[in-house]
C-alpha cells in the first residue's frame, strides 16, 4: 500500500475573493455555489473525483504558482 494513499481527495485553489470565485466556479461546473465555511473556505463536492476547495486565506497577492 502506498504511503500517501490511493488518490487525491481535494485540490486547493487560493483565491483573493471567495464570493466571486464561488460564483465563477459554480457557473463553470454548472452547480449551485457552496456555503462559505470558517470565513475563507468553499468546498465543491464532486461525485467520483477530487473535491475543489477554494481558500481565501492561503492567497498571497503577487505570488505566482506555476
Protein backbone atom coordinates (compact mmCIF):
# COMPACT_ATOMS: atom_id res chain seq x y z
CA UNK A 1 0.00 0.00 0.00
CA UNK A 2 1.37 3.45 -0.92
CA UNK A 3 2.38 5.65 2.00
CA UNK A 4 0.13 8.55 0.97
CA UNK A 5 -2.98 6.69 -0.07
CA UNK A 6 -4.60 5.83 -3.34
CA UNK A 7 -5.69 9.13 -4.77
CA UNK A 8 -6.25 12.83 -4.42
CA UNK A 9 -9.14 13.80 -2.17
CA UNK A 10 -9.11 17.55 -2.81
CA UNK A 11 -7.49 20.28 -4.85
CA UNK A 12 -6.97 23.60 -3.05
CA UNK A 13 -7.13 26.81 -5.08
CA UNK A 14 -6.02 30.09 -3.47
CA UNK A 15 -8.47 32.91 -4.27
CA UNK A 16 -8.50 36.59 -3.40
CA UNK A 17 -12.30 36.97 -3.29
CA UNK A 18 -14.16 33.90 -2.04
CA UNK A 19 -17.64 35.07 -3.13
CA UNK A 20 -16.54 36.00 -6.65
CA UNK A 21 -14.59 32.74 -7.01
CA UNK A 22 -17.55 30.65 -5.76
CA UNK A 23 -19.83 32.24 -8.34
CA UNK A 24 -17.31 31.74 -11.17
CA UNK A 25 -16.62 28.07 -10.38
CA UNK A 26 -20.33 27.36 -9.83
CA UNK A 27 -21.08 28.68 -13.33
CA UNK A 28 -18.15 26.72 -14.79
CA UNK A 29 -19.20 23.46 -13.10
CA UNK A 30 -22.92 24.16 -13.59
CA UNK A 31 -23.73 23.64 -9.88
CA UNK A 32 -25.03 25.73 -7.01
CA UNK A 33 -22.30 27.58 -5.11
CA UNK A 34 -21.46 26.03 -1.74
CA UNK A 35 -21.65 27.81 1.59
CA UNK A 36 -18.52 29.58 2.83
CA UNK A 37 -17.15 27.92 5.96
CA UNK A 38 -14.75 29.35 8.53
CA UNK A 39 -14.92 32.66 6.66
CA UNK A 40 -12.48 31.58 3.97
CA UNK A 41 -13.29 28.10 2.57
CA UNK A 42 -15.73 26.89 -0.08
CA UNK A 43 -15.85 23.18 -0.93
CA UNK A 44 -17.36 21.92 -4.17
CA UNK A 45 -18.06 18.21 -3.65
CA UNK A 46 -17.57 16.06 -6.74
CA UNK A 47 -19.00 12.60 -7.12
CA UNK A 48 -16.30 10.18 -8.19
CA UNK A 49 -13.50 12.74 -8.07
CA UNK A 50 -11.48 15.16 -6.03
CA UNK A 51 -13.27 17.99 -4.24
CA UNK A 52 -12.46 21.53 -5.31
CA UNK A 53 -11.62 23.68 -2.29
CA UNK A 54 -11.39 27.45 -2.69
CA UNK A 55 -9.35 29.07 0.08
CA UNK A 56 -9.11 32.84 0.57
CA UNK A 57 -6.70 32.51 3.49
CA UNK A 58 -3.82 30.95 1.51
CA UNK A 59 -3.95 33.60 -1.25
CA UNK A 60 -0.77 35.69 -1.41
CA UNK A 61 -1.08 38.81 -3.62
CA UNK A 62 1.55 38.93 -6.34
CA UNK A 63 2.75 35.37 -5.73
CA UNK A 64 2.71 33.22 -8.82
CA UNK A 65 2.06 29.49 -8.51
CA UNK A 66 3.10 27.51 -11.57
